[in-house]
Amino acid sequence: MKIYRPGDSLYYIVHDRINYNEIYEPCYKLIGVIEGTLEMTTAGKQLSARKGEYLFVTQGNFSKIKMIPTTGKGGVAG
């Protein structure tokens, strides 16, 4: 996994294999999927986004995230 942070409020993550995370969301977040698929459970809702789609996450919740890259490469912008 590589994390690129060009600025304080915008960064992107590149994965080459399936990745699972569970995090607390301290602020609002807009997540855009560049390649692959993102599956997320937050605030009691199950969400999914594919290449070119976006998810808006509200603050104050715990999120379980599964990032599934396209074979051999993948990326999720958050």
Protein backbone atom coordinates (compact mmCIF):
# COMPACT_ATOMS: atom_id res chain seq x y z
CA MET A 1 0.00 0.00 0.00
CA LYS A 2 1.24 3.48 -0.88
CA ILE A 3 -0.26 6.70 0.49
CA TYR A 4 0.24 9.90 -1.49
CA ARG A 5 -0.59 13.17 0.30
CA PRO A 6 -0.32 16.15 -2.04
CA GLY A 7 -2.21 18.34 0.45
CA ASP A 8 -3.72 18.27 3.94
CA SER A 9 -7.29 17.57 2.79
CA LEU A 10 -6.72 15.41 -0.31
CA TYR A 11 -4.84 12.15 -0.58
CA TYR A 12 -5.07 8.84 -2.38
CA ILE A 13 -4.18 5.25 -1.59
CA VAL A 14 -3.01 2.58 -4.04
CA HIS A 15 -3.44 -1.12 -3.21
CA ASP A 16 -2.23 -4.19 -5.06
CA ARG A 17 -4.27 -6.65 -2.97
CA ILE A 18 -7.55 -6.70 -1.02
CA ASN A 19 -7.29 -4.47 2.06
CA TYR A 20 -9.54 -4.24 5.15
CA ASN A 21 -9.71 -1.26 7.54
CA GLU A 22 -11.86 -0.23 10.48
CA ILE A 23 -11.61 3.44 11.35
CA TYR A 24 -13.36 6.19 13.31
CA GLU A 25 -14.52 9.03 11.05
CA PRO A 26 -13.57 12.29 12.86
CA CYS A 27 -14.74 14.49 9.96
CA TYR A 28 -16.87 14.44 6.83
CA LYS A 29 -15.23 12.63 3.93
CA LEU A 30 -15.81 12.30 0.19
CA ILE A 31 -14.35 9.09 -1.22
CA GLY A 32 -13.91 8.57 -4.95
CA VAL A 33 -12.95 5.22 -6.45
CA ILE A 34 -10.35 5.48 -9.22
CA GLU A 35 -10.11 1.73 -9.95
CA GLY A 36 -11.45 -1.43 -8.35
CA THR A 37 -14.28 -1.58 -5.81
CA LEU A 38 -14.84 -0.17 -2.33
CA GLU A 39 -17.27 -1.84 0.10
CA MET A 40 -18.08 0.04 3.30
CA THR A 41 -20.29 -0.35 6.36
CA THR A 42 -20.88 2.91 8.24
CA ALA A 43 -23.71 4.29 10.39
CA GLY A 44 -25.47 0.92 10.05
CA LYS A 45 -25.56 1.10 6.23
CA GLN A 46 -23.75 -1.08 3.70
CA LEU A 47 -22.39 0.92 0.77
CA SER A 48 -20.50 -0.02 -2.37
CA ALA A 49 -18.77 2.03 -5.06
CA ARG A 50 -16.93 1.10 -8.24
CA LYS A 51 -14.60 2.93 -10.60
CA GLY A 52 -15.85 6.49 -11.16
CA GLU A 53 -18.31 6.49 -8.24
CA TYR A 54 -18.20 8.48 -4.97
CA LEU A 55 -19.29 7.93 -1.36
CA PHE A 56 -19.96 10.69 1.21
CA VAL A 57 -19.20 9.67 4.81
CA THR A 58 -20.54 11.61 7.79
CA GLN A 59 -18.49 12.28 10.89
CA GLY A 60 -18.76 10.54 14.24
CA ASN A 61 -19.15 6.94 13.03
CA PHE A 62 -16.99 3.85 12.85
CA SER A 63 -16.48 2.52 9.33
CA LYS A 64 -15.47 -0.94 8.13
CA ILE A 65 -13.88 -0.68 4.70
CA LYS A 66 -12.91 -3.34 2.17
CA MET A 67 -10.88 -2.14 -0.82
CA ILE A 68 -10.74 -4.55 -3.77
CA PRO A 69 -8.27 -3.51 -6.48
CA THR A 70 -8.53 -4.33 -10.14
CA THR A 71 -6.31 -7.34 -10.83
CA GLY A 72 -2.72 -6.21 -10.42
CA LYS A 73 -3.50 -2.59 -9.56
CA GLY A 74 -6.06 -0.40 -7.84
CA GLY A 75 -6.68 2.89 -6.15
CA VAL A 76 -9.14 4.63 -3.87
CA ALA A 77 -9.13 8.41 -3.40
CA GLY A 78 -10.35 9.72 -0.05
